[in-house]
Amino acid sequence: MVRFVATLVGCSLLLGVIATGWAQDEVPPQVRLIERYAAALSAGDVPGALATLTSDAVLEEHDLMRHVAIGTRAVQDRLWALVLDGAVLEIESTLVLDEGRVVVTVETMVLDESPEAGVPLRSTGIYVIEGGLLASITRWLHLVDRDAFVAQALVGTWRGGDRGLVVRFDADGTFESGFSRSQVAEAPRDVGSYRLERSVLTWSSGDATVMCVAGDEGTHHVRFLDADTIEWQMLGEACLERYMGTRARLERLPAPE
């Protein structure tokens, strides 16, 4: 089933737009079930949302990082966390597949933790139905919205890699790096700008760099393992002194007191 769900994700993201437009008296029961789940979650009714799920349901979310909850207790805890974050879920469009066993949606969710307060975050949802209940829900945040989450979470100072590089990402899209926190603060070895697109961070050295050449660019795929740990995979790097290995982990340094 995992491979089947992954294939559906790829197809839905490739198509971009999912069919919609049911007349009220033609709405399939599977879609009504999903609408009941969304309405209960949005109303803060966790027992009502759980009533639409099987006892061994799987809730999997891909936003800043991957969240997986399996079984009633774990799913209940995750739903309460969403409710406490002010989650409001709206289903924009649906596509019923596999003789009604799978429904793919485009949906929006507003959370208090959104990059901008009240901004709807668009996702592709995949709902698997068994015995008239939801057996699996997988939600993939759309890439532009995911980049906004990642960019917000990147702001701060990080250390990692085989050279112990320290890099500070600022909210204005600039960075400073070196080999100690004090060096970054007082006399950084490299400075420049960065941008994020489709989870790939591209940083470019500015004129004030002493470690690289102005205009040197590096591209690294960024994946959050948790709120304070990044997996950093190099895709390309013009400045070899900035090279951190094919794959490395960066740990967020605490804010100075």
Protein backbone atom coordinates (compact mmCIF):
# COMPACT_ATOMS: atom_id res chain seq x y z
CA MET A 1 0.00 0.00 0.00
CA VAL A 2 2.90 2.35 0.72
CA ARG A 3 4.16 2.09 -2.85
CA PHE A 4 0.64 2.62 -4.17
CA VAL A 5 0.18 5.75 -2.02
CA ALA A 6 3.58 7.11 -3.09
CA THR A 7 2.59 6.66 -6.74
CA LEU A 8 -0.62 8.56 -6.14
CA VAL A 9 1.32 11.41 -4.54
CA GLY A 10 3.58 11.69 -7.55
CA CYS A 11 0.65 11.67 -9.96
CA SER A 12 -1.35 14.24 -8.02
CA LEU A 13 1.62 16.60 -7.69
CA LEU A 14 2.37 16.21 -11.39
CA LEU A 15 -1.19 16.96 -12.43
CA GLY A 16 -1.34 19.94 -10.07
CA VAL A 17 -5.13 20.33 -10.26
CA ILE A 18 -7.60 17.70 -9.07
CA ALA A 19 -11.13 17.22 -10.35
CA THR A 20 -13.95 18.76 -8.36
CA GLY A 21 -17.51 20.05 -8.63
CA TRP A 22 -19.94 17.49 -7.20
CA ALA A 23 -23.60 18.38 -7.13
CA GLN A 24 -24.79 18.17 -3.52
CA ASP A 25 -26.97 15.11 -4.14
CA GLU A 26 -24.13 13.38 -6.05
CA VAL A 27 -21.39 13.62 -3.43
CA PRO A 28 -19.93 10.12 -2.98
CA PRO A 29 -20.11 8.70 0.56
CA GLN A 30 -16.29 8.57 0.70
CA VAL A 31 -16.12 12.35 0.15
CA ARG A 32 -18.84 12.94 2.75
CA LEU A 33 -16.76 10.87 5.21
CA ILE A 34 -13.72 13.09 4.57
CA GLU A 35 -15.84 16.21 4.93
CA ARG A 36 -17.08 14.94 8.33
CA TYR A 37 -13.48 14.39 9.42
CA ALA A 38 -12.47 17.89 8.28
CA ALA A 39 -15.50 19.51 9.93
CA ALA A 40 -14.87 17.74 13.25
CA LEU A 41 -11.18 18.67 13.27
CA SER A 42 -11.96 22.30 12.44
CA ALA A 43 -14.54 22.44 15.23
CA GLY A 44 -12.06 21.07 17.77
CA ASP A 45 -14.13 17.88 18.08
CA VAL A 46 -11.39 15.25 18.41
CA PRO A 47 -13.81 12.41 19.36
CA GLY A 48 -15.87 13.28 16.29
CA ALA A 49 -12.79 13.15 14.06
CA LEU A 50 -11.70 9.83 15.61
CA ALA A 51 -15.16 8.40 14.87
CA THR A 52 -14.36 8.64 11.14
CA LEU A 53 -11.14 6.59 11.53
CA THR A 54 -10.35 2.91 11.96
CA SER A 55 -8.75 1.85 15.25
CA ASP A 56 -5.41 1.25 13.51
CA ALA A 57 -5.53 4.33 11.28
CA VAL A 58 -2.29 5.94 10.10
CA LEU A 59 -1.95 9.73 10.01
CA GLU A 60 1.14 10.86 8.07
CA GLU A 61 2.03 14.50 7.43
CA HIS A 62 4.86 15.98 5.39
CA ASP A 63 5.42 19.67 6.12
CA LEU A 64 8.52 21.03 7.86
CA MET A 65 9.30 17.43 8.79
CA ARG A 66 7.54 14.08 8.65
CA HIS A 67 4.99 13.24 11.35
CA VAL A 68 3.56 9.73 11.62
CA ALA A 69 0.89 8.60 14.10
CA ILE A 70 -0.41 5.02 14.12
CA GLY A 71 -3.38 3.76 16.11
CA THR A 72 -6.08 5.52 18.09
CA ARG A 73 -3.93 6.83 20.95
CA ALA A 74 -1.17 8.29 18.78
CA VAL A 75 -3.63 9.72 16.25
CA GLN A 76 -5.70 11.23 19.06
CA ASP A 77 -2.61 12.94 20.47
CA ARG A 78 -1.73 14.36 17.06
CA LEU A 79 -5.29 15.58 16.46
CA TRP A 80 -5.31 17.33 19.84
CA ALA A 81 -2.01 19.01 18.91
CA LEU A 82 -3.58 20.27 15.68
CA VAL A 83 -6.68 21.49 17.52
CA LEU A 84 -4.55 23.33 20.07
CA ASP A 85 -2.71 24.96 17.14
CA GLY A 86 -6.07 26.26 15.89
CA ALA A 87 -6.29 23.98 12.86
CA VAL A 88 -9.05 24.75 10.36
CA LEU A 89 -9.18 22.27 7.47
CA GLU A 90 -11.09 22.89 4.25
CA ILE A 91 -11.38 20.47 1.34
CA GLU A 92 -11.11 22.37 -1.95
CA SER A 93 -11.43 19.54 -4.46
CA THR A 94 -11.53 15.76 -4.61
CA LEU A 95 -10.81 12.90 -6.99
CA VAL A 96 -12.21 9.43 -6.18
CA LEU A 97 -10.01 6.53 -7.34
CA ASP A 98 -9.72 2.75 -7.10
CA GLU A 99 -13.50 2.16 -7.02
CA GLY A 100 -13.89 4.52 -4.08
CA ARG A 101 -11.12 3.07 -1.95
CA VAL A 102 -8.87 6.12 -2.38
CA VAL A 103 -9.72 9.81 -2.45
CA VAL A 104 -7.12 12.43 -3.42
CA THR A 105 -7.80 15.99 -2.33
CA VAL A 106 -6.50 19.50 -2.61
CA GLU A 107 -7.08 21.08 0.78
CA THR A 108 -6.10 24.07 2.85
CA MET A 109 -5.26 24.27 6.53
CA VAL A 110 -4.81 27.35 8.67
CA LEU A 111 -2.66 26.96 11.79
CA ASP A 112 -1.56 29.44 14.41
CA GLU A 113 2.00 28.35 13.61
CA SER A 114 1.73 29.31 9.91
CA PRO A 115 4.63 31.39 8.55
CA GLU A 116 2.16 34.29 8.36
CA ALA A 117 -0.80 34.37 10.74
CA GLY A 118 -3.98 33.09 9.13
CA VAL A 119 -2.39 32.16 5.79
CA PRO A 120 -3.98 28.98 4.33
CA LEU A 121 -1.41 26.27 3.62
CA ARG A 122 -2.28 24.11 0.61
CA SER A 123 -1.71 20.37 0.66
CA THR A 124 -2.40 17.26 -1.36
CA GLY A 125 -4.26 14.75 0.78
CA ILE A 126 -4.56 11.01 0.18
CA TYR A 127 -7.32 9.22 2.07
CA VAL A 128 -7.62 5.42 2.05
CA ILE A 129 -11.05 4.05 3.03
CA GLU A 130 -11.68 0.60 4.48
CA GLY A 131 -15.04 -0.64 5.73
CA GLY A 132 -16.61 2.80 5.52
CA LEU A 133 -13.92 4.44 7.69
CA LEU A 134 -10.64 6.25 7.03
CA ALA A 135 -7.75 3.80 7.37
CA SER A 136 -4.99 6.16 6.26
CA ILE A 137 -4.54 9.90 5.77
CA THR A 138 -1.40 11.25 4.13
CA ARG A 139 -0.93 14.99 3.70
CA TRP A 140 1.80 16.56 1.56
CA LEU A 141 2.28 20.30 1.95
CA HIS A 142 2.65 22.01 -1.42
CA LEU A 143 6.22 22.97 -2.21
CA VAL A 144 5.85 26.75 -2.06
CA ASP A 145 4.23 26.60 1.36
CA ARG A 146 6.77 24.06 2.57
CA ASP A 147 9.60 26.36 1.49
CA ALA A 148 8.03 29.11 3.61
CA PHE A 149 8.06 26.81 6.66
CA VAL A 150 11.65 25.73 6.03
CA ALA A 151 12.88 29.29 5.42
CA GLN A 152 11.33 30.43 8.69
CA ALA A 153 12.83 27.50 10.61
CA LEU A 154 16.29 28.03 9.09
CA VAL A 155 16.75 31.44 10.69
CA GLY A 156 19.38 31.04 13.41
CA THR A 157 22.90 29.70 13.90
CA TRP A 158 23.93 26.15 13.02
CA ARG A 159 27.03 24.00 13.44
CA GLY A 160 27.91 20.77 11.68
CA GLY A 161 29.73 18.91 8.97
CA ASP A 162 33.18 17.37 8.96
CA ARG A 163 34.85 20.80 9.20
CA GLY A 164 32.67 22.09 12.03
CA LEU A 165 31.36 24.95 9.91
CA VAL A 166 29.19 27.47 11.74
CA VAL A 167 26.62 29.31 9.61
CA ARG A 168 24.05 31.92 10.57
CA PHE A 169 21.00 32.37 8.37
CA ASP A 170 19.26 35.72 8.81
CA ALA A 171 15.60 36.47 8.09
CA ASP A 172 16.56 39.01 5.40
CA GLY A 173 18.04 36.27 3.17
CA THR A 174 21.70 36.84 4.08
CA PHE A 175 24.19 34.51 5.77
CA GLU A 176 27.53 34.64 7.56
CA SER A 177 29.76 31.62 8.16
CA GLY A 178 33.05 30.63 9.74
CA PHE A 179 34.54 28.01 12.02
CA SER A 180 33.40 29.31 15.39
CA ARG A 181 30.46 31.28 16.68
CA SER A 182 32.67 34.21 17.67
CA GLN A 183 34.25 34.27 14.23
CA VAL A 184 30.83 34.41 12.60
CA ALA A 185 29.80 37.26 14.87
CA GLU A 186 33.00 39.31 14.63
CA ALA A 187 34.86 38.43 11.41
CA PRO A 188 32.98 35.92 9.26
CA ARG A 189 34.96 34.01 6.66
CA ASP A 190 32.10 33.99 4.19
CA VAL A 191 29.10 36.28 3.72
CA GLY A 192 26.43 36.50 1.08
CA SER A 193 22.82 35.74 0.28
CA TYR A 194 20.71 32.59 0.14
CA ARG A 195 17.41 31.47 -1.30
CA LEU A 196 15.27 28.37 -0.93
CA GLU A 197 13.29 26.63 -3.67
CA ARG A 198 11.80 23.13 -3.53
CA SER A 199 13.80 22.40 -0.37
CA VAL A 200 17.07 23.20 -2.17
CA LEU A 201 19.06 25.99 -0.56
CA THR A 202 21.33 28.01 -2.84
CA TRP A 203 23.83 30.32 -1.20
CA SER A 204 26.03 32.79 -3.04
CA SER A 205 29.15 34.47 -1.67
CA GLY A 206 29.25 38.26 -1.65
CA ASP A 207 32.13 40.67 -2.25
CA ALA A 208 33.21 40.61 1.42
CA THR A 209 33.99 36.89 1.46
CA VAL A 210 37.52 35.79 2.40
CA MET A 211 36.89 32.03 2.19
CA CYS A 212 35.35 31.90 -1.27
CA VAL A 213 35.25 33.94 -4.45
CA ALA A 214 32.46 36.49 -4.90
CA GLY A 215 29.65 34.81 -6.78
CA ASP A 216 30.57 31.26 -5.70
CA GLU A 217 27.37 29.30 -5.32
CA GLY A 218 26.57 26.13 -3.43
CA THR A 219 23.38 24.09 -3.57
CA HIS A 220 22.29 21.80 -0.75
CA HIS A 221 19.10 19.86 -0.16
CA VAL A 222 17.70 20.69 3.28
CA ARG A 223 15.62 18.28 5.33
CA PHE A 224 14.58 18.87 8.93
CA LEU A 225 14.92 15.78 11.11
CA ASP A 226 13.50 17.70 14.04
CA ALA A 227 13.11 21.38 14.89
CA ASP A 228 16.82 21.74 15.75
CA THR A 229 18.50 19.23 13.42
CA ILE A 230 19.01 19.49 9.66
CA GLU A 231 20.16 16.84 7.24
CA TRP A 232 22.21 18.76 4.69
CA GLN A 233 23.02 17.03 1.37
CA MET A 234 25.42 18.71 -1.03
CA LEU A 235 24.29 18.86 -4.66
CA GLY A 236 26.97 21.25 -5.91
CA GLU A 237 29.55 23.58 -4.39
CA ALA A 238 31.89 26.08 -6.08
CA CYS A 239 33.73 27.03 -2.88
CA LEU A 240 35.61 23.94 -1.75
CA GLU A 241 36.51 25.43 1.64
CA ARG A 242 32.78 25.62 2.29
CA TYR A 243 32.33 21.99 1.30
CA MET A 244 30.78 20.00 4.14
CA GLY A 245 30.70 16.48 2.71
CA THR A 246 28.10 14.75 0.59
CA ARG A 247 25.73 14.46 3.55
CA ALA A 248 26.02 16.10 6.96
CA ARG A 249 23.92 17.04 9.97
CA LEU A 250 23.71 20.54 11.37
CA GLU A 251 22.58 21.23 14.91
CA ARG A 252 20.95 24.51 15.88
CA LEU A 253 23.01 26.45 18.42
CA PRO A 254 21.09 28.03 21.30
CA ALA A 255 20.44 31.75 21.14
CA PRO A 256 23.07 33.73 23.08
CA GLU A 257 21.95 34.86 26.51
